C-alpha atoms as a PDB file:
ATOM      1  CA  MET A   1       0.000   0.000   0.000  1.00  0.00           C
ATOM      2  CA  LEU A   2       1.518   3.301  -1.061  1.00  0.00           C
ATOM      3  CA  LEU A   3       1.500   6.443   0.995  1.00  0.00           C
ATOM      4  CA  MET A   4      -0.918   8.739  -0.823  1.00  0.00           C
ATOM      5  CA  LEU A   5      -0.073  12.397  -0.236  1.00  0.00           C
ATOM      6  CA  GLY A   6      -1.321  15.772  -1.319  1.00  0.00           C
ATOM      7  CA  LYS A   7       1.228  18.254  -2.692  1.00  0.00           C
ATOM      8  CA  PHE A   8       1.769  19.969   0.651  1.00  0.00           C
ATOM      9  CA  SER A   9       1.997  16.716   2.587  1.00  0.00           C
ATOM     10  CA  TYR A  10       4.367  15.310  -0.037  1.00  0.00           C
ATOM     11  CA  TYR A  11       6.945  18.072   0.364  1.00  0.00           C
ATOM     12  CA  ARG A  12       6.476  18.113   4.120  1.00  0.00           C
ATOM     13  CA  SER A  13       7.246  14.396   4.115  1.00  0.00           C
ATOM     14  CA  LEU A  14      10.434  14.975   2.106  1.00  0.00           C
ATOM     15  CA  LEU A  15      11.480  17.522   4.732  1.00  0.00           C
ATOM     16  CA  LEU A  16      10.814  15.041   7.537  1.00  0.00           C
ATOM     17  CA  TYR A  17      12.889  12.404   5.773  1.00  0.00           C
ATOM     18  CA  TYR A  18      15.717  14.946   5.439  1.00  0.00           C
ATOM     19  CA  ARG A  19      15.546  15.819   9.143  1.00  0.00           C
ATOM     20  CA  MET A  20      15.758  12.119  10.008  1.00  0.00           C
ATOM     21  CA  GLY A  21      18.915  11.831   7.927  1.00  0.00           C
ATOM     22  CA  ILE A  22      17.199   9.883   5.120  1.00  0.00           C
ATOM     23  CA  HIS A  23      18.267  11.144   1.691  1.00  0.00           C
ATOM     24  CA  VAL A  24      15.658  10.929  -1.071  1.00  0.00           C
ATOM     25  CA  ASP A  25      17.114  11.760  -4.488  1.00  0.00           C
ATOM     26  CA  VAL A  26      14.484  13.725  -6.406  1.00  0.00           C
ATOM     27  CA  GLY A  27      15.123  15.653  -9.591  1.00  0.00           C
ATOM     28  CA  PRO A  28      13.516  19.057 -10.361  1.00  0.00           C
ATOM     29  CA  ASN A  29      10.604  17.510 -12.281  1.00  0.00           C
ATOM     30  CA  GLN A  30      10.406  14.198 -10.473  1.00  0.00           C
ATOM     31  CA  ARG A  31       8.245  12.822  -7.703  1.00  0.00           C
ATOM     32  CA  VAL A  32       9.070   9.746  -5.691  1.00  0.00           C
ATOM     33  CA  ILE A  33       6.695   7.275  -4.062  1.00  0.00           C
ATOM     34  CA  LEU A  34       7.193   7.679  -0.323  1.00  0.00           C
ATOM     35  CA  ASN A  35       6.639   4.396   1.471  1.00  0.00           C
ATOM     36  CA  GLY A  36       8.088   2.400   4.340  1.00  0.00           C
ATOM     37  CA  ASN A  37      11.131   1.298   2.343  1.00  0.00           C
ATOM     38  CA  PHE A  38      12.739   4.627   3.233  1.00  0.00           C
ATOM     39  CA  LEU A  39      12.256   4.070   6.973  1.00  0.00           C
ATOM     40  CA  PRO A  40      14.728   2.343   9.331  1.00  0.00           C
ATOM     41  CA  VAL A  41      14.802  -1.446   9.200  1.00  0.00           C
ATOM     42  CA  THR A  42      14.522  -1.615  12.989  1.00  0.00           C
ATOM     43  CA  PHE A  43      11.253   0.308  12.913  1.00  0.00           C
ATOM     44  CA  ARG A  44       9.836  -1.903  10.168  1.00  0.00           C
ATOM     45  CA  ASN A  45      10.758  -5.079  12.058  1.00  0.00           C
ATOM     46  CA  GLN A  46       9.277  -3.754  15.301  1.00  0.00           C
ATOM     47  CA  SER A  47       6.045  -2.833  13.520  1.00  0.00           C
ATOM     48  CA  LYS A  48       5.719  -6.284  11.956  1.00  0.00           C
ATOM     49  CA  GLU A  49       6.404  -7.971  15.307  1.00  0.00           C
ATOM     50  CA  LEU A  50       3.858  -5.780  17.101  1.00  0.00           C
ATOM     51  CA  ALA A  51       1.106  -6.347  14.523  1.00  0.00           C
ATOM     52  CA  ARG A  52       1.622 -10.097  14.458  1.00  0.00           C
ATOM     53  CA  ASP A  53       1.715 -10.398  18.252  1.00  0.00           C
ATOM     54  CA  VAL A  54      -1.350  -8.296  19.037  1.00  0.00           C
ATOM     55  CA  VAL A  55      -3.506  -9.803  16.281  1.00  0.00           C
ATOM     56  CA  HIS A  56      -2.679 -13.350  17.392  1.00  0.00           C
ATOM     57  CA  TYR A  57      -3.060 -12.397  21.065  1.00  0.00           C
ATOM     58  CA  VAL A  58      -6.611 -11.132  20.584  1.00  0.00           C
ATOM     59  CA  ALA A  59      -7.642 -13.833  18.128  1.00  0.00           C
ATOM     60  CA  CYS A  60      -6.214 -16.755  20.151  1.00  0.00           C
ATOM     61  CA  PRO A  61      -5.576 -15.531  23.722  1.00  0.00           C
ATOM     62  CA  GLN A  62      -5.277 -19.079  25.049  1.00  0.00           C
ATOM     63  CA  ASP A  63      -2.256 -19.700  22.816  1.00  0.00           C
ATOM     64  CA  ALA A  64      -0.545 -16.342  23.306  1.00  0.00           C
ATOM     65  CA  PRO A  65       3.005 -16.457  24.719  1.00  0.00           C
ATOM     66  CA  GLN A  66       4.247 -14.016  27.338  1.00  0.00           C
ATOM     67  CA  PRO A  67       4.947 -10.577  25.831  1.00  0.00           C
ATOM     68  CA  ARG A  68       8.510 -10.327  24.583  1.00  0.00           C
ATOM     69  CA  ASN A  69       8.989  -6.675  25.482  1.00  0.00           C
ATOM     70  CA  ARG A  70       7.446  -3.616  27.087  1.00  0.00           C
ATOM     71  CA  ARG A  71       6.114  -2.273  23.783  1.00  0.00           C
ATOM     72  CA  ILE A  72       4.071  -5.408  23.153  1.00  0.00           C
ATOM     73  CA  GLN A  73       2.743  -5.487  26.732  1.00  0.00           C
ATOM     74  CA  ILE A  74       1.559  -1.881  26.515  1.00  0.00           C
ATOM     75  CA  MET A  75      -0.207  -2.434  23.197  1.00  0.00           C
ATOM     76  CA  ARG A  76      -1.858  -5.613  24.485  1.00  0.00           C
ATOM     77  CA  ASN A  77      -3.168  -3.759  27.536  1.00  0.00           C
ATOM     78  CA  LEU A  78      -4.499  -0.820  25.544  1.00  0.00           C
ATOM     79  CA  VAL A  79      -6.188  -3.103  23.022  1.00  0.00           C
ATOM     80  CA  ASP A  80      -7.679  -5.183  25.854  1.00  0.00           C
ATOM     81  CA  ASP A  81      -9.095  -2.022  27.420  1.00  0.00           C
ATOM     82  CA  MET A  82     -10.608  -0.778  24.182  1.00  0.00           C
ATOM     83  CA  ILE A  83     -12.213  -4.124  23.408  1.00  0.00           C
ATOM     84  CA  LYS A  84     -13.640  -4.370  26.920  1.00  0.00           C
ATOM     85  CA  ASP A  85     -15.034  -0.839  26.744  1.00  0.00           C
ATOM     86  CA  ARG A  86     -16.379  -0.933  23.183  1.00  0.00           C
ATOM     87  CA  GLU A  87     -16.869  -4.610  22.354  1.00  0.00           C
ATOM     88  CA  GLN A  88     -20.462  -4.258  21.152  1.00  0.00           C
ATOM     89  CA  MET A  89     -19.461  -1.593  18.650  1.00  0.00           C
ATOM     90  CA  LEU A  90     -16.608  -3.767  17.401  1.00  0.00           C
ATOM     91  CA  LYS A  91     -18.973  -6.733  17.102  1.00  0.00           C
ATOM     92  CA  ASP A  92     -21.367  -4.643  15.035  1.00  0.00           C
ATOM     93  CA  MET A  93     -18.562  -3.525  12.727  1.00  0.00           C
ATOM     94  CA  VAL A  94     -17.274  -7.060  12.189  1.00  0.00           C
ATOM     95  CA  LYS A  95     -20.814  -8.300  11.576  1.00  0.00           C
ATOM     96  CA  ALA A  96     -21.491  -5.526   9.077  1.00  0.00           C
ATOM     97  CA  LEU A  97     -18.284  -6.312   7.171  1.00  0.00           C
ATOM     98  CA  ASP A  98     -19.493  -9.893   6.779  1.00  0.00           C
ATOM     99  CA  ILE A  99     -16.089 -11.257   5.768  1.00  0.00           C
ATOM    100  CA  GLN A 100     -16.510 -14.697   4.166  1.00  0.00           C
ATOM    101  CA  ASP A 101     -13.046 -15.282   2.711  1.00  0.00           C
ATOM    102  CA  ALA A 102      -9.521 -13.874   2.944  1.00  0.00           C
ATOM    103  CA  SER A 103      -9.817 -11.952  -0.337  1.00  0.00           C
ATOM    104  CA  GLN A 104     -12.260  -9.541   1.329  1.00  0.00           C
ATOM    105  CA  LEU A 105      -9.718  -8.488   3.940  1.00  0.00           C
ATOM    106  CA  LYS A 106      -8.437  -5.803   1.574  1.00  0.00           C
ATOM    107  CA  LEU A 107     -11.335  -3.723   2.947  1.00  0.00           C
ATOM    108  CA  ILE A 108      -9.055  -2.975   5.890  1.00  0.00           C
ATOM    109  CA  HIS A 109      -7.011  -0.752   3.594  1.00  0.00           C
ATOM    110  CA  ASN A 110     -10.155   1.189   2.660  1.00  0.00           C
ATOM    111  CA  ILE A 111     -11.134   1.625   6.298  1.00  0.00           C
ATOM    112  CA  ALA A 112      -7.657   2.853   7.202  1.00  0.00           C
ATOM    113  CA  THR A 113      -7.772   5.306   4.303  1.00  0.00           C
ATOM    114  CA  GLN A 114     -11.072   6.684   5.588  1.00  0.00           C
ATOM    115  CA  MET A 115      -9.794   6.814   9.153  1.00  0.00           C
ATOM    116  CA  PHE A 116      -6.681   8.823   8.291  1.00  0.00           C
ATOM    117  CA  ASP A 117      -8.073  10.744   5.334  1.00  0.00           C
ATOM    118  CA  ASP A 118      -7.863  13.996   7.296  1.00  0.00           C
ATOM    119  CA  GLN A 119      -4.067  13.512   7.582  1.00  0.00           C
ATOM    120  CA  VAL A 120      -4.359  13.498  11.394  1.00  0.00           C
ATOM    121  CA  VAL A 121      -2.327  10.757  13.070  1.00  0.00           C
ATOM    122  CA  THR A 122      -2.251  10.207  16.832  1.00  0.00           C
ATOM    123  CA  TRP A 123      -1.225   7.346  19.080  1.00  0.00           C
ATOM    124  CA  GLY A 124      -4.898   6.972  19.998  1.00  0.00           C
ATOM    125  CA  ARG A 125      -5.906   6.428  16.374  1.00  0.00           C
ATOM    126  CA  ILE A 126      -3.063   3.973  15.906  1.00  0.00           C
ATOM    127  CA  VAL A 127      -4.179   1.939  18.928  1.00  0.00           C
ATOM    128  CA  THR A 128      -7.735   2.042  17.592  1.00  0.00           C
ATOM    129  CA  LEU A 129      -6.565   0.555  14.303  1.00  0.00           C
ATOM    130  CA  TYR A 130      -4.708  -2.229  16.138  1.00  0.00           C
ATOM    131  CA  SER A 131      -7.817  -2.951  18.211  1.00  0.00           C
ATOM    132  CA  PHE A 132     -10.142  -3.112  15.224  1.00  0.00           C
ATOM    133  CA  CYS A 133      -7.848  -5.345  13.168  1.00  0.00           C
ATOM    134  CA  SER A 134      -7.251  -7.678  16.105  1.00  0.00           C
ATOM    135  CA  TYR A 135     -10.945  -8.011  16.856  1.00  0.00           C
ATOM    136  CA  LEU A 136     -11.672  -8.605  13.174  1.00  0.00           C
ATOM    137  CA  ALA A 137      -9.143 -11.464  13.239  1.00  0.00           C
ATOM    138  CA  ARG A 138     -10.999 -13.009  16.168  1.00  0.00           C
ATOM    139  CA  GLY A 139     -14.266 -12.822  14.240  1.00  0.00           C
ATOM    140  CA  CYS A 140     -12.746 -14.288  11.080  1.00  0.00           C
ATOM    141  CA  LEU A 141     -11.206 -17.127  13.036  1.00  0.00           C
ATOM    142  CA  ARG A 142     -14.600 -18.033  14.477  1.00  0.00           C
ATOM    143  CA  VAL A 143     -16.065 -18.466  11.010  1.00  0.00           C
ATOM    144  CA  ASN A 144     -13.103 -20.638   9.970  1.00  0.00           C
ATOM    145  CA  ILE A 145     -11.403 -18.371   7.453  1.00  0.00           C
ATOM    146  CA  ASP A 146      -8.039 -20.008   6.793  1.00  0.00           C
ATOM    147  CA  ASP A 147      -4.893 -18.062   7.700  1.00  0.00           C
ATOM    148  CA  CYS A 148      -6.932 -14.967   8.547  1.00  0.00           C
ATOM    149  CA  THR A 149      -4.777 -13.959  11.521  1.00  0.00           C
ATOM    150  CA  ASP A 150      -1.565 -13.927   9.496  1.00  0.00           C
ATOM    151  CA  ALA A 151      -3.267 -12.116   6.618  1.00  0.00           C
ATOM    152  CA  ILE A 152      -4.716  -9.417   8.880  1.00  0.00           C
ATOM    153  CA  ALA A 153      -1.411  -9.001  10.728  1.00  0.00           C
ATOM    154  CA  ASP A 154       0.358  -8.504   7.384  1.00  0.00           C
ATOM    155  CA  ILE A 155      -2.201  -5.924   6.249  1.00  0.00           C
ATOM    156  CA  LEU A 156      -1.988  -4.094   9.580  1.00  0.00           C
ATOM    157  CA  SER A 157       1.813  -3.934   9.513  1.00  0.00           C
ATOM    158  CA  ASP A 158       1.709  -2.768   5.892  1.00  0.00           C
ATOM    159  CA  ILE A 159      -0.606   0.115   6.816  1.00  0.00           C
ATOM    160  CA  VAL A 160       1.428   1.049   9.882  1.00  0.00           C
ATOM    161  CA  ILE A 161       4.739   1.025   8.015  1.00  0.00           C
ATOM    162  CA  ASN A 162       3.725   2.539   4.682  1.00  0.00           C
ATOM    163  CA  ARG A 163       0.946   4.924   5.664  1.00  0.00           C
ATOM    164  CA  LEU A 164       1.687   5.808   9.301  1.00  0.00           C
ATOM    165  CA  GLY A 165       5.378   4.999   9.526  1.00  0.00           C
ATOM    166  CA  LEU A 166       6.698   8.450   8.673  1.00  0.00           C
ATOM    167  CA  TRP A 167       4.593  10.025  11.428  1.00  0.00           C
ATOM    168  CA  ILE A 168       5.612   7.370  13.965  1.00  0.00           C
ATOM    169  CA  VAL A 169       9.336   7.642  13.206  1.00  0.00           C
ATOM    170  CA  SER A 170       9.326  11.441  13.104  1.00  0.00           C
ATOM    171  CA  ASN A 171       7.570  11.451  16.491  1.00  0.00           C
ATOM    172  CA  GLY A 172      10.160   9.284  18.193  1.00  0.00           C
ATOM    173  CA  GLY A 173       9.222   5.806  16.996  1.00  0.00           C
ATOM    174  CA  TRP A 174       7.844   3.035  19.159  1.00  0.00           C
ATOM    175  CA  LYS A 175      10.046   4.203  22.035  1.00  0.00           C
ATOM    176  CA  THR A 176       7.913   7.333  22.316  1.00  0.00           C
ATOM    177  CA  PHE A 177       4.793   5.164  22.199  1.00  0.00           C
ATOM    178  CA  GLU A 178       6.071   3.321  25.279  1.00  0.00           C
ATOM    179  CA  GLN A 179       6.677   6.635  27.062  1.00  0.00           C
ATOM    180  CA  GLN A 180       3.089   7.815  26.505  1.00  0.00           C
ATOM    181  CA  PHE A 181       1.653   5.322  28.985  1.00  0.00           C
ATOM    182  CA  PRO A 182       2.354   4.702  32.698  1.00  0.00           C
ATOM    183  CA  VAL A 183       4.746   1.804  33.081  1.00  0.00           C
ATOM    184  CA  ILE A 184       3.361   0.650  36.402  1.00  0.00           C
ATOM    185  CA  CYS A 185      -0.147   0.261  34.974  1.00  0.00           C
ATOM    186  CA  ALA A 186       0.786  -1.024  31.557  1.00  0.00           C
ATOM    187  CA  TRP A 187       2.837  -3.832  33.039  1.00  0.00           C
ATOM    188  CA  ILE A 188       0.027  -5.300  35.169  1.00  0.00           C
ATOM    189  CA  PRO A 189      -0.478  -8.632  33.316  1.00  0.00           C
ATOM    190  CA  MET A 190      -4.277  -8.871  33.491  1.00  0.00           C
ATOM    191  CA  GLY A 191      -5.059  -5.354  34.665  1.00  0.00           C
ATOM    192  CA  VAL A 192      -7.157  -2.693  32.966  1.00  0.00           C
ATOM    193  CA  TRP A 193      -5.345   0.541  32.194  1.00  0.00           C
ATOM    194  CA  LYS A 194      -7.280   3.439  33.713  1.00  0.00           C
ATOM    195  CA  GLY A 195      -5.590   6.581  32.335  1.00  0.00           C
ATOM    196  CA  LEU A 196      -8.459   9.016  31.779  1.00  0.00           C
ATOM    197  CA  PHE A 197      -6.678  11.113  29.162  1.00  0.00           C
ATOM    198  CA  VAL A 198      -5.785   8.193  26.925  1.00  0.00           C
ATOM    199  CA  ALA A 199      -9.192   6.582  27.523  1.00  0.00           C
ATOM    200  CA  ALA A 200     -10.793   9.757  26.172  1.00  0.00           C
ATOM    201  CA  ILE A 201      -8.593   9.630  23.075  1.00  0.00           C
ATOM    202  CA  LEU A 202      -9.428   5.987  22.460  1.00  0.00           C
ATOM    203  CA  LEU A 203     -13.143   6.602  22.924  1.00  0.00           C
ATOM    204  CA  ALA A 204     -13.111   9.485  20.437  1.00  0.00           C
ATOM    205  CA  THR A 205     -11.067   7.672  17.831  1.00  0.00           C
ATOM    206  CA  ILE A 206     -13.118   4.484  17.901  1.00  0.00           C
ATOM    207  CA  PHE A 207     -16.238   6.553  17.275  1.00  0.00           C
ATOM    208  CA  GLY A 208     -14.371   8.183  14.401  1.00  0.00           C
ATOM    209  CA  LEU A 209     -13.497   4.762  12.992  1.00  0.00           C
ATOM    210  CA  TYR A 210     -17.102   3.616  13.327  1.00  0.00           C
ATOM    211  CA  ILE A 211     -18.370   6.702  11.476  1.00  0.00           C
ATOM    212  CA  SER A 212     -15.744   6.214   8.760  1.00  0.00           C
ATOM    213  CA  PHE A 213     -16.821   2.611   8.333  1.00  0.00           C
ATOM    214  CA  THR A 214     -20.533   3.400   8.085  1.00  0.00           C
ATOM    215  CA  THR A 215     -19.929   6.033   5.392  1.00  0.00           C
ATOM    216  CA  LEU A 216     -17.694   3.619   3.474  1.00  0.00           C
ATOM    217  CA  LYS A 217     -20.146   0.702   3.537  1.00  0.00           C
ATOM    218  CA  PRO A 218     -22.420   0.807   0.469  1.00  0.00           C
ATOM    219  CA  LYS A 219     -26.125   0.999   1.230  1.00  0.00           C
ATOM    220  CA  LYS A 220     -28.407  -1.843   0.231  1.00  0.00           C
ATOM    221  CA  VAL A 221     -31.110  -1.047  -2.318  1.00  0.00           C
END
């Protein structure tokens, strides 16, 4: 999935790459496709690991291993909290999607495009996307769609790296994500994170995702 940018966002992105020490060779009349290939390998690997872990954790919690690092534990806790707080809404969204086979999972790209169409990226929106994709994987697994968890994890990591990666890296990467949330709460294995500020962000962004989905879904005639 390519990072689709307006003219202003395109040149702003080139500037961000330059500030991060990433050289993009562009001639006077040339434009370059800006995607995750320009971002650090470490970031790309971390994003793939995080997507795969959280999707499998939500879809098959009984088989989930212990979190390998603090970043994964924090994301698991935040996703757990969102699902607990807004599970009925997530159920309705998964039901409305009515995924019957893996080929339909490309709709996730459309939903992400709608969600970030205003060019606003926040950690709350990113967590919302992880929560939705993970819950969708759980629903697909229950209707016996083969390899759905791996497919959804791959789509999620592709979106995070290629569409959101520049914002994440320019805002400090996953290390900054870890610093946004209280360590003492995030590390409670089965606890529910109670930060009111972040809870408000998550609540607002999941409503935004729900509205984006309902406007994207074609009406029946």
